[in-house]
Protein backbone atom coordinates (compact mmCIF):
# COMPACT_ATOMS: atom_id res chain seq x y z
CA MET A 1 -1.66 -10.72 0.53
CA ASN A 2 1.10 -9.26 -1.58
CA LYS A 3 4.04 -7.56 0.03
CA LYS A 4 4.37 -4.42 -1.94
CA LEU A 5 3.89 -1.68 0.71
CA GLY A 6 6.17 1.01 -0.74
CA ALA A 7 7.23 1.72 -4.34
CA LEU A 8 8.62 -0.94 -6.59
CA ALA A 9 11.50 -0.30 -8.97
CA LEU A 10 11.57 2.97 -10.90
CA LEU A 11 9.62 2.79 -14.13
CA GLY A 12 11.62 2.94 -17.33
CA ALA A 13 11.35 2.34 -21.03
CA SER A 14 12.22 -1.02 -22.49
CA ALA A 15 13.17 -2.08 -25.99
CA VAL A 16 11.41 -5.39 -25.51
CA VAL A 17 7.67 -5.30 -26.08
CA LEU A 18 5.62 -7.64 -23.91
CA ALA A 19 2.62 -8.51 -26.07
CA GLY A 20 -0.86 -8.12 -24.65
CA CYS A 21 -4.05 -9.42 -26.21
CA SER A 22 -6.09 -6.27 -26.58
CA GLY A 23 -9.73 -6.12 -27.53
CA GLY A 24 -11.18 -6.03 -30.99
CA GLY A 25 -12.74 -2.58 -30.91
CA ASN A 26 -12.64 -0.09 -33.78
CA ASP A 27 -9.74 2.39 -33.45
CA ALA A 28 -11.87 5.23 -34.78
CA ASP A 29 -14.73 4.45 -32.43
CA PRO A 30 -13.40 2.65 -29.33
CA GLY A 31 -15.74 -0.01 -28.06
CA ALA A 32 -17.94 0.09 -31.14
CA ALA A 33 -17.24 -3.48 -32.23
CA GLU A 34 -20.02 -5.99 -31.62
CA THR A 35 -17.55 -8.68 -30.60
CA GLY A 36 -14.07 -8.72 -29.18
CA ASP A 37 -11.81 -9.84 -26.38
CA LEU A 38 -10.98 -7.61 -23.43
CA THR A 39 -7.70 -8.28 -21.65
CA VAL A 40 -7.18 -7.64 -17.94
CA TRP A 41 -3.76 -7.94 -16.33
CA LEU A 42 -3.74 -8.87 -12.64
CA VAL A 43 -0.57 -9.25 -10.59
CA GLY A 44 0.28 -12.31 -8.55
CA THR A 45 -2.16 -14.64 -6.85
CA ASP A 46 -3.81 -12.21 -4.44
CA THR A 47 -7.02 -11.91 -6.46
CA PRO A 48 -9.11 -14.98 -5.51
CA ASP A 49 -10.30 -17.32 -8.26
CA ALA A 50 -13.89 -16.55 -7.24
CA ALA A 51 -13.35 -12.86 -8.04
CA ARG A 52 -11.74 -13.66 -11.38
CA ASP A 53 -14.65 -15.91 -12.30
CA TYR A 54 -17.15 -13.24 -11.22
CA LEU A 55 -15.51 -10.60 -13.41
CA LYS A 56 -15.36 -12.82 -16.47
CA THR A 57 -18.87 -14.23 -16.12
CA THR A 58 -20.54 -10.91 -15.29
CA PHE A 59 -18.80 -9.04 -18.10
CA GLU A 60 -19.58 -11.67 -20.71
CA ASP A 61 -23.21 -11.98 -19.57
CA GLU A 62 -23.66 -8.21 -19.79
CA ASN A 63 -21.85 -7.80 -23.12
CA GLU A 64 -23.00 -10.44 -25.57
CA GLY A 65 -20.38 -11.37 -28.13
CA TRP A 66 -17.49 -10.23 -25.95
CA THR A 67 -15.05 -12.33 -23.97
CA LEU A 68 -12.78 -11.27 -21.11
CA THR A 69 -9.35 -12.79 -20.61
CA ILE A 70 -7.39 -12.41 -17.39
CA GLU A 71 -3.62 -12.70 -17.63
CA GLU A 72 -1.58 -13.09 -14.45
CA LYS A 73 1.62 -11.06 -14.26
CA THR A 74 4.39 -10.78 -11.69
CA TRP A 75 5.56 -7.70 -9.80
CA ALA A 76 8.76 -7.86 -11.84
CA ASP A 77 6.58 -7.35 -14.94
CA THR A 78 5.15 -4.08 -13.62
CA ASN A 79 8.27 -2.10 -14.45
CA GLU A 80 9.89 -2.01 -17.89
CA ALA A 81 7.69 -4.77 -19.32
CA TYR A 82 4.50 -2.92 -18.40
CA VAL A 83 5.82 0.32 -19.88
CA ALA A 84 6.72 -1.43 -23.13
CA ALA A 85 3.36 -3.19 -23.40
CA LEU A 86 1.30 -0.13 -22.51
CA SER A 87 3.25 1.91 -25.06
CA SER A 88 2.63 -0.59 -27.86
CA ASN A 89 -0.24 -0.94 -30.29
CA ASP A 90 -1.11 -4.27 -28.69
CA ALA A 91 -1.72 -2.96 -25.19
CA PRO A 92 -3.84 -4.75 -22.58
CA ASP A 93 -7.09 -3.00 -21.71
CA ILE A 94 -7.04 -2.91 -17.90
CA VAL A 95 -3.98 -3.30 -15.65
CA GLU A 96 -3.31 -3.68 -11.95
CA VAL A 97 -0.31 -1.77 -10.57
CA GLY A 98 1.10 -1.06 -7.12
CA ASN A 99 -0.52 2.04 -5.65
CA THR A 100 2.77 3.95 -5.43
CA GLN A 101 3.61 3.05 -9.04
CA SER A 102 0.56 4.83 -10.42
CA GLN A 103 2.14 8.29 -10.65
CA GLY A 104 4.96 7.03 -12.86
CA PHE A 105 2.56 5.50 -15.39
CA ILE A 106 0.35 8.59 -15.35
CA ALA A 107 3.32 10.88 -16.02
CA GLN A 108 4.21 8.81 -19.09
CA GLY A 109 0.68 9.11 -20.49
CA LEU A 110 0.02 5.37 -20.26
CA PHE A 111 -3.34 5.51 -18.42
CA GLU A 112 -6.66 6.78 -19.75
CA ASP A 113 -8.30 9.77 -18.08
CA ILE A 114 -11.37 8.33 -16.31
CA THR A 115 -12.44 11.44 -14.42
CA ASP A 116 -15.92 11.24 -15.96
CA LEU A 117 -16.35 7.78 -14.41
CA LYS A 118 -15.35 8.78 -10.89
CA ASP A 119 -18.86 9.08 -9.45
CA GLU A 120 -19.99 5.82 -11.06
CA LEU A 121 -16.97 4.04 -9.62
CA GLY A 122 -17.60 5.20 -6.07
CA GLY A 123 -16.65 8.87 -5.83
CA ASP A 124 -15.69 9.93 -2.33
CA ASP A 125 -16.36 6.40 -1.02
CA MET A 126 -13.14 5.20 -2.68
CA LEU A 127 -10.03 4.93 -0.47
CA ALA A 128 -8.75 8.50 -0.51
CA SER A 129 -5.00 7.82 -0.34
CA PHE A 130 -5.24 5.50 -3.35
CA VAL A 131 -7.27 8.05 -5.33
CA THR A 132 -4.58 10.65 -4.57
CA LEU A 133 -1.89 8.43 -6.05
CA GLY A 134 -4.11 7.67 -9.04
CA SER A 135 -4.73 11.33 -9.88
CA GLU A 136 -2.92 14.20 -11.53
CA GLY A 137 -4.40 17.52 -10.52
CA ASP A 138 -8.17 17.18 -10.77
CA SER A 139 -7.96 14.32 -13.26
CA LEU A 140 -8.39 10.68 -12.26
CA TYR A 141 -6.43 7.94 -14.04
CA ALA A 142 -6.30 4.98 -11.65
CA VAL A 143 -8.69 3.82 -8.93
CA PRO A 144 -8.24 1.67 -5.82
CA TYR A 145 -8.33 -2.09 -6.27
CA TYR A 146 -7.66 -3.34 -2.74
CA ALA A 147 -5.49 -2.36 0.20
CA GLY A 148 -3.60 -3.72 3.15
CA SER A 149 -2.44 -1.72 6.13
CA ARG A 150 -0.08 -1.83 9.07
CA ILE A 151 -1.59 -2.80 12.40
CA VAL A 152 -0.05 -3.51 15.79
CA PHE A 153 0.22 -7.22 16.62
CA TYR A 154 0.77 -8.43 20.14
CA SER A 155 0.70 -11.60 22.20
CA SER A 156 -1.25 -10.96 25.38
CA SER A 157 1.00 -13.43 27.19
CA ILE A 158 3.75 -10.80 26.84
CA THR A 159 1.94 -7.46 26.88
CA GLY A 160 -1.19 -8.19 28.87
CA ASP A 161 -4.62 -7.23 27.59
CA ASP A 162 -4.56 -3.43 27.94
CA ILE A 163 -4.47 -1.53 24.64
CA PRO A 164 -2.70 1.86 24.62
CA ALA A 165 -5.19 4.69 24.03
CA THR A 166 -2.82 7.17 22.36
CA LEU A 167 0.49 7.13 20.53
CA THR A 168 2.13 8.60 23.64
CA ASP A 169 0.69 5.75 25.71
CA TYR A 170 1.92 3.27 23.10
CA VAL A 171 5.50 4.53 23.39
CA ALA A 172 5.30 4.49 27.20
CA ALA A 173 3.90 0.94 27.25
CA GLY A 174 6.59 -0.25 24.85
CA THR A 175 9.30 1.35 26.97
CA ALA A 176 7.97 -0.32 30.11
CA LEU A 177 8.07 -3.74 28.44
CA THR A 178 11.59 -3.44 27.07
CA THR A 179 14.44 -5.52 28.46
CA ASP A 180 17.88 -6.41 27.14
CA THR A 181 16.31 -9.15 25.02
CA LEU A 182 12.76 -7.87 24.42
CA SER A 183 11.72 -4.95 22.20
CA GLY A 184 8.59 -3.43 23.68
CA ILE A 185 8.12 -1.96 20.18
CA TRP A 186 9.96 -3.63 17.33
CA ALA A 187 11.58 -0.76 15.41
CA PRO A 188 14.47 -1.63 13.08
CA GLY A 189 16.11 1.57 11.86
CA LYS A 190 15.53 1.07 8.14
CA ASP A 191 11.77 0.56 8.50
CA TRP A 192 10.61 3.88 7.02
CA TYR A 193 7.05 2.64 6.45
CA ASN A 194 6.29 2.62 10.18
CA ALA A 195 8.35 5.75 10.77
CA LEU A 196 6.00 7.85 8.63
CA ALA A 197 3.14 7.22 11.06
CA PHE A 198 4.98 9.09 13.83
CA VAL A 199 5.54 12.06 11.53
CA TRP A 200 1.95 12.15 10.28
CA ALA A 201 0.41 11.60 13.72
CA ASN A 202 2.24 14.69 14.98
CA GLY A 203 0.93 16.80 12.09
CA GLY A 204 4.03 16.58 9.93
CA GLU A 205 4.33 15.73 6.25
CA VAL A 206 6.85 14.13 3.92
CA ALA A 207 6.59 16.79 1.21
CA VAL A 208 3.91 19.18 -0.03
CA GLU A 209 3.39 20.83 -3.40
CA ASP A 210 4.29 24.51 -3.57
CA GLY A 211 3.23 25.73 -6.99
CA ASP A 212 5.21 23.73 -9.54
CA SER A 213 7.70 22.34 -7.04
CA TRP A 214 7.81 20.13 -3.97
CA ASP A 215 8.71 21.37 -0.50
CA ALA A 216 10.05 18.55 1.73
CA GLN A 217 8.78 18.76 5.29
CA PHE A 218 10.81 16.44 7.52
CA SER A 219 12.44 19.48 9.15
CA SER A 220 9.14 21.17 10.05
CA PRO A 221 8.43 21.53 13.80
CA GLU A 222 5.62 18.95 13.56
CA SER A 223 7.76 16.42 11.72
CA ILE A 224 10.66 16.97 14.12
CA ALA A 225 8.30 16.22 17.02
CA GLY A 226 7.34 12.96 15.33
CA LEU A 227 10.94 12.01 14.60
CA GLU A 228 11.95 12.74 18.19
CA MET A 229 9.12 10.53 19.43
CA LEU A 230 10.38 7.85 17.06
CA GLN A 231 13.93 8.30 18.36
CA ASP A 232 12.57 7.72 21.87
CA VAL A 233 11.21 4.39 20.59
CA TYR A 234 14.51 3.49 18.93
CA LEU A 235 16.56 4.23 22.05
CA ASN A 236 14.25 3.19 24.89
CA ALA A 237 11.62 0.75 23.62
CA ASN A 238 13.54 -1.31 21.09
CA VAL A 239 16.52 -3.62 20.82
CA ALA A 240 16.34 -4.27 17.06
CA PRO A 241 19.58 -3.26 15.30
CA ALA A 242 19.59 0.31 14.03
CA ASP A 243 20.78 -0.81 10.59
CA SER A 244 18.22 -3.63 10.13
CA ASN A 245 15.01 -3.63 8.12
CA GLU A 246 11.45 -4.81 8.63
CA ALA A 247 11.77 -8.15 6.79
CA ASP A 248 10.49 -11.37 8.42
CA PRO A 249 9.26 -9.83 11.69
CA GLN A 250 7.52 -13.08 12.60
CA VAL A 251 10.93 -14.56 13.46
CA PRO A 252 11.67 -12.37 16.51
CA PHE A 253 7.95 -12.28 17.35
CA CYS A 254 7.81 -16.06 17.51
CA ALA A 255 11.01 -16.08 19.56
CA GLY A 256 9.24 -14.03 22.21
CA GLU A 257 11.44 -11.00 21.53
CA ILE A 258 8.66 -8.50 20.67
CA GLY A 259 5.93 -6.84 22.69
CA TYR A 260 4.24 -4.70 20.01
CA LEU A 261 4.83 -5.35 16.32
CA SER A 262 3.54 -2.82 13.77
CA ALA A 263 3.45 -4.74 10.51
CA PRO A 264 1.28 -5.39 7.44
CA SER A 265 -1.92 -7.26 8.24
CA TRP A 266 -0.81 -10.29 6.23
CA VAL A 267 1.97 -10.97 8.80
CA LYS A 268 -0.82 -12.71 10.72
CA TRP A 269 -0.42 -15.69 8.38
CA SER A 270 3.35 -15.78 8.90
CA ILE A 271 2.89 -15.85 12.67
CA LEU A 272 0.22 -18.55 12.44
CA ALA A 273 2.11 -20.70 9.91
CA PRO A 274 2.65 -24.31 11.03
CA THR A 275 5.81 -24.97 13.01
CA ASP A 276 6.94 -27.48 10.38
CA ALA A 277 6.48 -25.06 7.45
CA ASP A 278 9.47 -23.89 5.39
CA ASN A 279 9.06 -20.55 7.15
CA PRO A 280 7.65 -21.64 10.50
CA GLY A 281 5.35 -19.60 12.67
CA CYS A 282 4.30 -20.09 16.26
CA PRO A 283 0.60 -21.00 16.27
CA ASP A 284 0.87 -22.91 19.55
CA THR A 285 2.87 -20.38 21.54
CA TYR A 286 2.84 -16.62 20.93
CA GLY A 287 0.42 -17.04 18.04
CA ALA A 288 -2.07 -18.81 20.29
CA ASP A 289 -3.04 -15.53 21.93
CA LEU A 290 -2.40 -13.26 18.93
CA HIS A 291 -4.27 -9.95 18.85
CA ALA A 292 -4.02 -6.65 16.96
CA PHE A 293 -5.19 -3.05 17.08
CA PRO A 294 -4.80 0.01 14.84
CA LEU A 295 -1.82 2.14 15.79
CA PRO A 296 -3.37 4.84 18.01
CA GLY A 297 -3.12 8.53 17.16
CA MET A 298 -2.23 11.42 19.41
CA THR A 299 -5.86 11.71 20.55
CA ALA A 300 -7.66 8.82 22.28
CA GLY A 301 -10.17 7.12 20.02
CA GLU A 302 -8.37 8.05 16.80
CA ALA A 303 -6.19 5.81 14.64
CA ALA A 304 -2.82 7.18 13.59
CA PRO A 305 -2.33 7.85 9.88
CA VAL A 306 -0.34 4.91 8.59
CA PHE A 307 1.13 4.07 5.22
CA ALA A 308 -1.20 1.76 3.32
CA GLY A 309 -0.05 -0.35 0.42
CA GLY A 310 -1.99 -2.24 -2.17
CA SER A 311 -3.04 -1.90 -5.78
CA ASN A 312 -4.72 0.47 -8.19
CA VAL A 313 -6.37 -0.45 -11.49
CA ALA A 314 -6.45 1.62 -14.65
CA ILE A 315 -7.55 1.56 -18.28
CA ALA A 316 -4.66 1.62 -20.73
CA ALA A 317 -4.48 4.80 -22.80
CA LYS A 318 -3.83 2.62 -25.87
CA SER A 319 -6.68 0.21 -25.23
CA ASP A 320 -8.71 -0.07 -28.43
CA SER A 321 -11.83 -1.05 -26.46
CA LYS A 322 -12.15 1.73 -23.92
CA GLU A 323 -15.94 1.58 -23.71
CA MET A 324 -15.80 -2.10 -22.86
CA ALA A 325 -12.89 -1.50 -20.51
CA SER A 326 -15.02 1.07 -18.68
CA ALA A 327 -17.76 -1.54 -18.31
CA ALA A 328 -15.29 -4.05 -16.85
CA LEU A 329 -13.84 -1.45 -14.50
CA LYS A 330 -17.32 -0.76 -13.11
CA ILE A 331 -17.66 -4.47 -12.37
CA ILE A 332 -14.27 -4.54 -10.63
CA LEU A 333 -15.36 -1.75 -8.30
CA SER A 334 -18.87 -3.13 -7.83
CA GLU A 335 -20.08 -4.51 -4.53
CA GLY A 336 -20.37 -8.02 -5.99
CA TYR A 337 -16.71 -8.16 -6.99
CA GLN A 338 -15.29 -6.20 -4.08
CA SER A 339 -17.23 -8.27 -1.56
CA ILE A 340 -15.32 -11.35 -2.76
CA LEU A 341 -12.02 -9.56 -2.17
CA ALA A 342 -13.23 -8.44 1.27
CA GLU A 343 -14.38 -11.91 2.27
CA ASN A 344 -10.84 -13.08 1.53
CA GLY A 345 -9.37 -10.48 3.88
CA LEU A 346 -8.39 -7.82 1.31
CA ILE A 347 -9.46 -4.29 2.25
CA PRO A 348 -11.95 -3.29 -0.49
CA ALA A 349 -11.64 -0.24 -2.73
CA LEU A 350 -14.74 1.45 -1.31
CA LYS A 351 -14.98 2.19 2.40
CA SER A 352 -18.66 1.20 2.56
CA PHE A 353 -17.79 -2.32 1.39
CA ALA A 354 -15.73 -2.93 4.54
CA SER A 355 -18.88 -4.48 6.01
CA HIS A 356 -18.06 -7.56 3.90
CA LEU A 357 -14.76 -8.13 5.70
CA PRO A 358 -14.59 -11.08 8.10
CA ASP A 359 -15.72 -10.03 11.56
CA ASP A 360 -12.49 -10.92 13.31
CA GLU A 361 -10.31 -8.65 15.40
CA ILE A 362 -7.28 -8.54 13.11
CA THR A 363 -9.18 -7.91 9.87
CA GLN A 364 -11.30 -5.21 11.46
CA ALA A 365 -8.19 -3.54 12.89
CA ALA A 366 -6.70 -3.48 9.38
CA ALA A 367 -9.87 -1.92 7.97
CA THR A 368 -9.82 0.83 10.60
CA ALA A 369 -6.13 1.50 9.98
CA THR A 370 -6.62 1.64 6.22
CA ALA A 371 -9.46 4.14 6.54
CA ALA A 372 -7.06 6.47 8.41
CA SER A 373 -4.14 5.88 6.05
CA LYS A 374 -2.15 8.45 4.11
CA SER A 375 -0.18 8.30 0.89
CA VAL A 376 3.33 9.27 -0.03
CA PRO A 377 3.71 12.39 -2.20
CA ALA A 378 1.87 12.01 -5.49
CA SER A 379 4.92 12.67 -7.64
CA PRO A 380 6.14 10.62 -10.62
CA ASN A 381 9.61 10.92 -9.06
CA TRP A 382 8.59 9.38 -5.74
CA ALA A 383 9.77 5.92 -6.78
CA GLU A 384 13.25 7.38 -7.16
CA VAL A 385 13.10 8.72 -3.61
CA GLU A 386 12.38 5.22 -2.38
CA SER A 387 15.05 3.55 -4.50
CA SER A 388 17.65 6.12 -3.39
CA LEU A 389 17.26 4.93 0.24
CA VAL A 390 17.71 8.47 1.58
CA ILE A 391 14.87 8.02 4.09
CA PRO A 392 16.05 4.74 5.67
CA ASP A 393 19.62 6.08 5.71
CA ALA A 394 18.45 9.13 7.67
CA LEU A 395 16.41 6.98 10.05
CA VAL A 396 19.42 4.78 10.83
CA LYS A 397 21.30 7.90 11.95
CA ILE A 398 18.35 8.89 14.15
CA ALA A 399 18.18 5.36 15.58
CA GLN A 400 21.86 5.62 16.44
CA GLY A 401 21.07 8.62 18.64
CA ASN A 402 22.26 11.48 16.44
CA ASP A 403 20.68 14.96 16.55
CA VAL A 404 17.37 14.83 14.69
CA ALA A 405 17.17 18.40 13.34
CA PRO A 406 20.26 18.46 11.07
CA ILE A 407 19.47 14.96 9.81
CA ALA A 408 15.96 16.08 8.86
CA GLU A 409 17.25 19.23 7.16
CA GLU A 410 19.68 17.24 5.02
CA LEU A 411 16.97 14.71 4.21
CA ASP A 412 14.68 17.48 2.98
CA LYS A 413 17.41 18.73 0.64
CA GLN A 414 17.90 15.23 -0.78
CA ILE A 415 14.18 14.65 -1.29
CA GLU A 416 13.64 18.02 -2.94
CA ALA A 417 16.55 17.40 -5.31
CA ILE A 418 14.87 14.20 -6.47
CA LEU A 419 11.24 15.34 -6.58
CA ASN A 420 12.11 18.60 -8.35
CA GLY A 421 14.81 17.13 -10.56
């Protein structure tokens, strides 16, 4: 699973053009050519070989005379290099991007409007938070590819077998477990991804659109309630340093220093890594009785809204084979293709395809959490908010015990200056 929960670097123009191998369609009549090559850019190794083979074989079988070429890119490519390639006359046809990157590409006019395909691609069955980030107004430009979500890991040898029913119960249970050397809830101060869940669960928001501008909401009464609950965790259920981040949480978990760990679902594999691996896990100790559940909401039986990361896919605005690209996109979001992703533990783009996920506790917890997930504000300037570090900086102050309200008010001013800049 890739580790891209949260925005990557801010998109920008580049003087260097990364060449793509676009299809052979007719510029005047996209997709009209009888033969051609369609190019799909996928990022990293997360897409299984079986899914890649399915896409290529199915597309070529259904479109005689056409070939489909998959090129593997890196997350470093998805910034300036992507912008340069998608702006060129040799653009790829379909690209995978991080879900929180989508707004930046849309704002630059680099993705094709695919609103007319929405129902064919899954309509309301698509993961809503990913659709939000792939849209501008009522127009759709990028659709979900797959997702991963934060879930709460625990070793029953430390916590016991009882699962907290509500977020309030979760905080109380974490507090009861905490000692000088054990964090009942692992909560490093710079981990803003997990912090958002406390705000959202209490009815707060990060920022909302108000006409043509954004109104930041961390200082709303609901958000303040969430931040105060989070401060309770920082001060009473946690011994992680206030100025630390969420990186490599399997290390303190495997040292027996964590009761509850809210982390991306793929952390399972870090915890279960062999003890002689370069980055060792603890499969024979705390990993031997590893369990997970969705972070509970304020009401029993409901999952808290959590931040979900993952990928979107889109058709390049400069693709010269848009009809064929539409055909390939339908295959990517089809049950046949998405079931392969699901069987490999990736949360599929359509909620109804979750039935193809492995029937194990951790994967099912991730699916439930993803279904309840929320997105960051759908603004092309959101990536700049992330790169500015104003949110983690504010959270560190809260974790240090400072008054929440003035910190939240200042944070709202900083976010509004960026989003409305």
